[in-house]
Amino acid sequence: MIIVHHLNDSRSQRVLWLLEELGLDYEVRRYERDPDTRLAPPELRAIHPLGKSPVIEDGAVKVAETGAIVEYLLETYGKGRFRPSAGTEDARRFTYWLHYAEGSAMTPLLLKLIFSEIPKRAPFFARPVAKGISAAMNKRMIDPSLASHIRYWEAELNRSEWFAGDDFTAADIMMSFPAEAAASRGGIPGLPRLDAFLDRIHARPAYQRALERGGPYAYA
């Protein structure tokens, strides 16, 4: 039985989704963020030294990091599903988007989150200054970078319905979190292809089942 160490409102929701798409049996062990800090609980450090989610256990095998978990599940249980045939252009796109989702795509999103929290966590007397610094960083650096990435996603979805070609793959599962997070943090209006992508993934039965297993997920 695969065990998923799952943190609420986190990237581990994608692991549950892939497990549902693959039709595998699994157990969810839930952890809740601290309501004030939004950080993972210390109990997760007993599972992984960094105290982060997701982590899966499959017998004696323990895997952390979403991309690594996705690759492990596809290699071990995929039987060729949810990834293009090796050596094809779609396969190269698949590998790119699989790693881009946790690499380049998440950087501006994490910066957006961090700088939005700075004014809230600054001492009361320093909040006006912190708010000004946060607004300036968002305007000059973070928002333009994020907008560039989102427009890039929209353009790529003009090439094909899914990120790695005409068929749904695990690359789309990986890209779901950046796309959902961007949409929840304002995004850019008037991007019909990205909106349609979100509608398609949210309508998938496996996505819905994963939500039922994982509990409340603010980005859906």
C-alpha atoms as a PDB file:
ATOM      1  CA  MET A   1       0.000   0.000   0.000  1.00  0.00           C
ATOM      2  CA  ILE A   2       1.392   3.393  -1.001  1.00  0.00           C
ATOM      3  CA  ILE A   3       1.345   5.963   1.804  1.00  0.00           C
ATOM      4  CA  VAL A   4       1.122   9.646   0.920  1.00  0.00           C
ATOM      5  CA  HIS A   5       2.185  12.167   3.531  1.00  0.00           C
ATOM      6  CA  HIS A   6      -0.162  14.940   2.491  1.00  0.00           C
ATOM      7  CA  LEU A   7      -0.183  18.565   3.621  1.00  0.00           C
ATOM      8  CA  ASN A   8      -3.357  20.578   3.165  1.00  0.00           C
ATOM      9  CA  ASP A   9      -3.355  23.258   0.428  1.00  0.00           C
ATOM     10  CA  SER A  10      -0.063  22.028  -0.981  1.00  0.00           C
ATOM     11  CA  ARG A  11       1.598  20.570  -4.029  1.00  0.00           C
ATOM     12  CA  SER A  12       0.997  17.071  -2.702  1.00  0.00           C
ATOM     13  CA  GLN A  13      -2.553  17.307  -4.073  1.00  0.00           C
ATOM     14  CA  ARG A  14      -1.021  16.511  -7.463  1.00  0.00           C
ATOM     15  CA  VAL A  15       0.334  13.211  -6.146  1.00  0.00           C
ATOM     16  CA  LEU A  16      -3.138  12.152  -5.021  1.00  0.00           C
ATOM     17  CA  TRP A  17      -4.462  13.120  -8.447  1.00  0.00           C
ATOM     18  CA  LEU A  18      -1.883  11.021 -10.301  1.00  0.00           C
ATOM     19  CA  LEU A  19      -2.568   8.050  -8.030  1.00  0.00           C
ATOM     20  CA  GLU A  20      -6.262   8.361  -8.875  1.00  0.00           C
ATOM     21  CA  GLU A  21      -5.510   8.574 -12.608  1.00  0.00           C
ATOM     22  CA  LEU A  22      -3.376   5.431 -12.299  1.00  0.00           C
ATOM     23  CA  GLY A  23      -6.090   3.644 -10.308  1.00  0.00           C
ATOM     24  CA  LEU A  24      -3.732   2.707  -7.474  1.00  0.00           C
ATOM     25  CA  ASP A  25      -4.628   1.950  -3.872  1.00  0.00           C
ATOM     26  CA  TYR A  26      -3.100   4.361  -1.382  1.00  0.00           C
ATOM     27  CA  GLU A  27      -3.412   5.697   2.149  1.00  0.00           C
ATOM     28  CA  VAL A  28      -3.461   9.429   2.905  1.00  0.00           C
ATOM     29  CA  ARG A  29      -1.779  10.614   6.087  1.00  0.00           C
ATOM     30  CA  ARG A  30      -2.859  14.216   6.534  1.00  0.00           C
ATOM     31  CA  TYR A  31      -0.938  17.058   8.106  1.00  0.00           C
ATOM     32  CA  GLU A  32      -2.341  20.537   8.717  1.00  0.00           C
ATOM     33  CA  ARG A  33      -0.529  23.826   8.281  1.00  0.00           C
ATOM     34  CA  ASP A  34      -0.124  26.126  11.270  1.00  0.00           C
ATOM     35  CA  PRO A  35      -3.036  28.581  10.889  1.00  0.00           C
ATOM     36  CA  ASP A  36      -0.817  31.565  11.740  1.00  0.00           C
ATOM     37  CA  THR A  37       2.482  30.790  10.006  1.00  0.00           C
ATOM     38  CA  ARG A  38       1.025  28.555   7.244  1.00  0.00           C
ATOM     39  CA  LEU A  39       4.057  26.318   7.755  1.00  0.00           C
ATOM     40  CA  ALA A  40       3.988  22.524   7.855  1.00  0.00           C
ATOM     41  CA  PRO A  41       3.794  20.918  11.305  1.00  0.00           C
ATOM     42  CA  PRO A  42       6.961  19.573  12.962  1.00  0.00           C
ATOM     43  CA  GLU A  43       5.601  16.019  12.679  1.00  0.00           C
ATOM     44  CA  LEU A  44       6.620  16.001   9.026  1.00  0.00           C
ATOM     45  CA  ARG A  45      10.287  16.199  10.058  1.00  0.00           C
ATOM     46  CA  ALA A  46       9.956  12.639  11.295  1.00  0.00           C
ATOM     47  CA  ILE A  47       9.154  11.662   7.704  1.00  0.00           C
ATOM     48  CA  HIS A  48      11.732  13.819   5.912  1.00  0.00           C
ATOM     49  CA  PRO A  49      14.525  15.991   7.362  1.00  0.00           C
ATOM     50  CA  LEU A  50      13.203  19.120   5.628  1.00  0.00           C
ATOM     51  CA  GLY A  51       9.721  18.612   7.030  1.00  0.00           C
ATOM     52  CA  LYS A  52       8.132  19.122   3.631  1.00  0.00           C
ATOM     53  CA  SER A  53       5.304  17.464   1.729  1.00  0.00           C
ATOM     54  CA  PRO A  54       4.755  15.480  -0.423  1.00  0.00           C
ATOM     55  CA  VAL A  55       6.565  12.327   0.567  1.00  0.00           C
ATOM     56  CA  ILE A  56       5.406   8.851  -0.382  1.00  0.00           C
ATOM     57  CA  GLU A  57       6.310   5.474   1.053  1.00  0.00           C
ATOM     58  CA  ASP A  58       5.939   2.400  -1.122  1.00  0.00           C
ATOM     59  CA  GLY A  59       7.111  -0.524   0.954  1.00  0.00           C
ATOM     60  CA  ALA A  60      10.798   0.088   1.654  1.00  0.00           C
ATOM     61  CA  VAL A  61      10.972   2.904  -0.907  1.00  0.00           C
ATOM     62  CA  LYS A  62      10.586   6.501   0.254  1.00  0.00           C
ATOM     63  CA  VAL A  63      10.429   9.325  -2.313  1.00  0.00           C
ATOM     64  CA  ALA A  64      10.222  13.089  -1.754  1.00  0.00           C
ATOM     65  CA  GLU A  65       9.758  16.011  -4.196  1.00  0.00           C
ATOM     66  CA  THR A  66       6.703  16.060  -6.433  1.00  0.00           C
ATOM     67  CA  GLY A  67       8.551  15.655  -9.722  1.00  0.00           C
ATOM     68  CA  ALA A  68      10.583  12.727  -8.415  1.00  0.00           C
ATOM     69  CA  ILE A  69       7.417  11.104  -7.048  1.00  0.00           C
ATOM     70  CA  VAL A  70       5.659  11.516 -10.403  1.00  0.00           C
ATOM     71  CA  GLU A  71       8.599   9.921 -12.234  1.00  0.00           C
ATOM     72  CA  TYR A  72       8.726   7.049  -9.729  1.00  0.00           C
ATOM     73  CA  LEU A  73       5.005   6.329 -10.019  1.00  0.00           C
ATOM     74  CA  LEU A  74       5.081   6.417 -13.819  1.00  0.00           C
ATOM     75  CA  GLU A  75       8.148   4.186 -14.014  1.00  0.00           C
ATOM     76  CA  THR A  76       6.836   1.716 -11.438  1.00  0.00           C
ATOM     77  CA  TYR A  77       3.115   1.624 -12.207  1.00  0.00           C
ATOM     78  CA  GLY A  78       2.455   3.693 -15.305  1.00  0.00           C
ATOM     79  CA  LYS A  79       2.806   0.986 -17.972  1.00  0.00           C
ATOM     80  CA  GLY A  80       3.340   3.724 -20.549  1.00  0.00           C
ATOM     81  CA  ARG A  81       0.342   5.787 -19.455  1.00  0.00           C
ATOM     82  CA  PHE A  82       0.348   9.554 -18.982  1.00  0.00           C
ATOM     83  CA  ARG A  83       3.629  10.142 -20.791  1.00  0.00           C
ATOM     84  CA  PRO A  84       4.483  10.339 -24.513  1.00  0.00           C
ATOM     85  CA  SER A  85       6.486   7.688 -26.321  1.00  0.00           C
ATOM     86  CA  ALA A  86      10.230   7.991 -25.742  1.00  0.00           C
ATOM     87  CA  GLY A  87      12.292   9.793 -28.357  1.00  0.00           C
ATOM     88  CA  THR A  88       9.449  11.931 -29.657  1.00  0.00           C
ATOM     89  CA  GLU A  89       9.094  15.710 -29.638  1.00  0.00           C
ATOM     90  CA  ASP A  90       6.176  15.321 -27.237  1.00  0.00           C
ATOM     91  CA  ALA A  91       8.433  13.314 -24.902  1.00  0.00           C
ATOM     92  CA  ARG A  92      10.952  16.151 -24.881  1.00  0.00           C
ATOM     93  CA  ARG A  93       8.166  18.626 -24.133  1.00  0.00           C
ATOM     94  CA  PHE A  94       6.926  16.314 -21.388  1.00  0.00           C
ATOM     95  CA  THR A  95      10.328  16.255 -19.669  1.00  0.00           C
ATOM     96  CA  TYR A  96      10.644  20.017 -19.996  1.00  0.00           C
ATOM     97  CA  TRP A  97       7.252  20.818 -18.438  1.00  0.00           C
ATOM     98  CA  LEU A  98       7.679  18.166 -15.745  1.00  0.00           C
ATOM     99  CA  HIS A  99      10.758  19.991 -14.434  1.00  0.00           C
ATOM    100  CA  TYR A 100       9.757  23.534 -15.384  1.00  0.00           C
ATOM    101  CA  ALA A 101       6.675  23.280 -13.141  1.00  0.00           C
ATOM    102  CA  GLU A 102       8.775  23.009  -9.971  1.00  0.00           C
ATOM    103  CA  GLY A 103      11.705  25.048 -11.282  1.00  0.00           C
ATOM    104  CA  SER A 104      11.172  28.236 -13.258  1.00  0.00           C
ATOM    105  CA  ALA A 105       7.401  28.434 -12.776  1.00  0.00           C
ATOM    106  CA  MET A 106       7.398  28.379  -8.984  1.00  0.00           C
ATOM    107  CA  THR A 107      10.049  31.056  -8.402  1.00  0.00           C
ATOM    108  CA  PRO A 108       7.897  34.153  -9.060  1.00  0.00           C
ATOM    109  CA  LEU A 109       4.913  32.514  -7.379  1.00  0.00           C
ATOM    110  CA  LEU A 110       6.882  31.875  -4.194  1.00  0.00           C
ATOM    111  CA  LEU A 111       8.285  35.415  -4.256  1.00  0.00           C
ATOM    112  CA  LYS A 112       4.750  36.751  -4.681  1.00  0.00           C
ATOM    113  CA  LEU A 113       3.652  34.761  -1.635  1.00  0.00           C
ATOM    114  CA  ILE A 114       6.637  35.792   0.499  1.00  0.00           C
ATOM    115  CA  PHE A 115       6.344  39.500  -0.242  1.00  0.00           C
ATOM    116  CA  SER A 116       2.606  39.428   0.369  1.00  0.00           C
ATOM    117  CA  GLU A 117       3.308  38.037   3.860  1.00  0.00           C
ATOM    118  CA  ILE A 118       6.011  40.551   4.814  1.00  0.00           C
ATOM    119  CA  PRO A 119       3.651  43.438   5.752  1.00  0.00           C
ATOM    120  CA  LYS A 120       1.462  41.075   7.796  1.00  0.00           C
ATOM    121  CA  ARG A 121       4.382  39.778   9.831  1.00  0.00           C
ATOM    122  CA  ALA A 122       6.289  43.044  10.333  1.00  0.00           C
ATOM    123  CA  PRO A 123       6.046  44.827  13.691  1.00  0.00           C
ATOM    124  CA  PHE A 124       3.101  47.238  13.787  1.00  0.00           C
ATOM    125  CA  PHE A 125       5.250  50.368  13.634  1.00  0.00           C
ATOM    126  CA  ALA A 126       7.167  49.016  10.612  1.00  0.00           C
ATOM    127  CA  ARG A 127       4.182  47.867   8.571  1.00  0.00           C
ATOM    128  CA  PRO A 128       3.881  51.015   6.418  1.00  0.00           C
ATOM    129  CA  VAL A 129       7.523  50.662   5.368  1.00  0.00           C
ATOM    130  CA  ALA A 130       7.178  46.912   4.837  1.00  0.00           C
ATOM    131  CA  LYS A 131       4.035  47.452   2.793  1.00  0.00           C
ATOM    132  CA  GLY A 132       5.835  49.981   0.601  1.00  0.00           C
ATOM    133  CA  ILE A 133       8.798  47.664   0.021  1.00  0.00           C
ATOM    134  CA  SER A 134       6.489  44.755  -0.784  1.00  0.00           C
ATOM    135  CA  ALA A 135       4.452  46.814  -3.244  1.00  0.00           C
ATOM    136  CA  ALA A 136       7.589  48.107  -4.962  1.00  0.00           C
ATOM    137  CA  MET A 137       9.087  44.620  -5.339  1.00  0.00           C
ATOM    138  CA  ASN A 138       5.831  43.280  -6.740  1.00  0.00           C
ATOM    139  CA  LYS A 139       5.463  46.107  -9.223  1.00  0.00           C
ATOM    140  CA  ARG A 140       9.066  46.253 -10.446  1.00  0.00           C
ATOM    141  CA  MET A 141      10.162  42.631 -10.377  1.00  0.00           C
ATOM    142  CA  ILE A 142       7.733  39.932  -9.315  1.00  0.00           C
ATOM    143  CA  ASP A 143       4.544  40.826 -11.190  1.00  0.00           C
ATOM    144  CA  PRO A 144       6.313  41.412 -14.555  1.00  0.00           C
ATOM    145  CA  SER A 145       8.138  38.093 -14.209  1.00  0.00           C
ATOM    146  CA  LEU A 146       4.965  36.231 -13.290  1.00  0.00           C
ATOM    147  CA  ALA A 147       3.075  37.854 -16.142  1.00  0.00           C
ATOM    148  CA  SER A 148       5.774  36.732 -18.566  1.00  0.00           C
ATOM    149  CA  HIS A 149       5.468  33.137 -17.393  1.00  0.00           C
ATOM    150  CA  ILE A 150       1.662  33.142 -17.575  1.00  0.00           C
ATOM    151  CA  ARG A 151       1.671  34.545 -21.117  1.00  0.00           C
ATOM    152  CA  TYR A 152       4.164  31.835 -22.015  1.00  0.00           C
ATOM    153  CA  TRP A 153       1.747  29.156 -20.752  1.00  0.00           C
ATOM    154  CA  GLU A 154      -1.055  30.688 -22.791  1.00  0.00           C
ATOM    155  CA  ALA A 155       1.095  30.672 -25.944  1.00  0.00           C
ATOM    156  CA  GLU A 156       2.162  27.061 -25.416  1.00  0.00           C
ATOM    157  CA  LEU A 157      -1.435  25.963 -24.995  1.00  0.00           C
ATOM    158  CA  ASN A 158      -2.070  27.455 -28.422  1.00  0.00           C
ATOM    159  CA  ARG A 159       0.219  24.758 -29.839  1.00  0.00           C
ATOM    160  CA  SER A 160      -1.847  21.925 -28.388  1.00  0.00           C
ATOM    161  CA  GLU A 161      -4.641  21.337 -25.903  1.00  0.00           C
ATOM    162  CA  TRP A 162      -2.224  19.966 -23.321  1.00  0.00           C
ATOM    163  CA  PHE A 163       1.284  21.048 -22.350  1.00  0.00           C
ATOM    164  CA  ALA A 164       3.079  18.021 -23.839  1.00  0.00           C
ATOM    165  CA  GLY A 165       0.971  17.487 -26.946  1.00  0.00           C
ATOM    166  CA  ASP A 166      -2.536  16.456 -27.875  1.00  0.00           C
ATOM    167  CA  ASP A 167      -2.902  13.931 -25.035  1.00  0.00           C
ATOM    168  CA  PHE A 168      -3.242  14.535 -21.313  1.00  0.00           C
ATOM    169  CA  THR A 169      -0.032  13.590 -19.443  1.00  0.00           C
ATOM    170  CA  ALA A 170       1.524  13.865 -16.008  1.00  0.00           C
ATOM    171  CA  ALA A 171       3.132  17.098 -17.216  1.00  0.00           C
ATOM    172  CA  ASP A 172      -0.343  18.632 -17.053  1.00  0.00           C
ATOM    173  CA  ILE A 173      -0.690  17.349 -13.500  1.00  0.00           C
ATOM    174  CA  MET A 174       2.608  19.016 -12.633  1.00  0.00           C
ATOM    175  CA  MET A 175       1.590  22.286 -14.294  1.00  0.00           C
ATOM    176  CA  SER A 176      -1.755  22.337 -12.508  1.00  0.00           C
ATOM    177  CA  PHE A 177      -0.352  23.800  -9.300  1.00  0.00           C
ATOM    178  CA  PRO A 178       1.489  26.768 -10.885  1.00  0.00           C
ATOM    179  CA  ALA A 179      -1.566  27.515 -13.030  1.00  0.00           C
ATOM    180  CA  GLU A 180      -3.956  27.272 -10.081  1.00  0.00           C
ATOM    181  CA  ALA A 181      -1.675  29.299  -7.814  1.00  0.00           C
ATOM    182  CA  ALA A 182      -1.279  32.016 -10.448  1.00  0.00           C
ATOM    183  CA  ALA A 183      -5.035  32.194 -10.918  1.00  0.00           C
ATOM    184  CA  SER A 184      -5.592  32.451  -7.154  1.00  0.00           C
ATOM    185  CA  ARG A 185      -3.066  35.300  -6.875  1.00  0.00           C
ATOM    186  CA  GLY A 186      -4.642  37.478  -9.514  1.00  0.00           C
ATOM    187  CA  GLY A 187      -3.183  36.047 -12.702  1.00  0.00           C
ATOM    188  CA  ILE A 188      -3.829  37.917 -15.913  1.00  0.00           C
ATOM    189  CA  PRO A 189      -7.357  38.341 -17.249  1.00  0.00           C
ATOM    190  CA  GLY A 190      -8.197  37.447 -20.815  1.00  0.00           C
ATOM    191  CA  LEU A 191      -6.272  34.195 -21.217  1.00  0.00           C
ATOM    192  CA  PRO A 192      -8.869  31.811 -22.651  1.00  0.00           C
ATOM    193  CA  ARG A 193      -6.577  28.852 -23.269  1.00  0.00           C
ATOM    194  CA  LEU A 194      -5.231  28.803 -19.727  1.00  0.00           C
ATOM    195  CA  ASP A 195      -8.748  29.211 -18.358  1.00  0.00           C
ATOM    196  CA  ALA A 196      -9.899  26.311 -20.531  1.00  0.00           C
ATOM    197  CA  PHE A 197      -6.970  24.202 -19.308  1.00  0.00           C
ATOM    198  CA  LEU A 198      -8.036  24.772 -15.702  1.00  0.00           C
ATOM    199  CA  ASP A 199     -11.630  23.923 -16.567  1.00  0.00           C
ATOM    200  CA  ARG A 200     -10.528  20.676 -18.241  1.00  0.00           C
ATOM    201  CA  ILE A 201      -8.384  19.461 -15.374  1.00  0.00           C
ATOM    202  CA  HIS A 202     -10.976  20.374 -12.741  1.00  0.00           C
ATOM    203  CA  ALA A 203     -13.600  18.379 -14.640  1.00  0.00           C
ATOM    204  CA  ARG A 204     -11.566  15.163 -14.659  1.00  0.00           C
ATOM    205  CA  PRO A 205     -13.138  12.491 -12.427  1.00  0.00           C
ATOM    206  CA  ALA A 206      -9.729  11.540 -10.995  1.00  0.00           C
ATOM    207  CA  TYR A 207      -9.111  15.161 -10.014  1.00  0.00           C
ATOM    208  CA  GLN A 208     -12.438  15.238  -8.199  1.00  0.00           C
ATOM    209  CA  ARG A 209     -11.714  11.961  -6.421  1.00  0.00           C
ATOM    210  CA  ALA A 210      -8.334  13.299  -5.307  1.00  0.00           C
ATOM    211  CA  LEU A 211     -10.044  16.325  -3.776  1.00  0.00           C
ATOM    212  CA  GLU A 212     -12.322  14.014  -1.815  1.00  0.00           C
ATOM    213  CA  ARG A 213      -9.339  12.061  -0.510  1.00  0.00           C
ATOM    214  CA  GLY A 214      -7.109  15.052   0.202  1.00  0.00           C
ATOM    215  CA  GLY A 215      -9.604  17.367   1.866  1.00  0.00           C
ATOM    216  CA  PRO A 216     -10.064  21.127   1.392  1.00  0.00           C
ATOM    217  CA  TYR A 217      -7.834  22.587  -1.307  1.00  0.00           C
ATOM    218  CA  ALA A 218      -7.997  26.352  -1.736  1.00  0.00           C
ATOM    219  CA  TYR A 219      -6.687  26.392  -5.307  1.00  0.00           C
ATOM    220  CA  ALA A 220      -9.348  24.203  -6.929  1.00  0.00           C
END
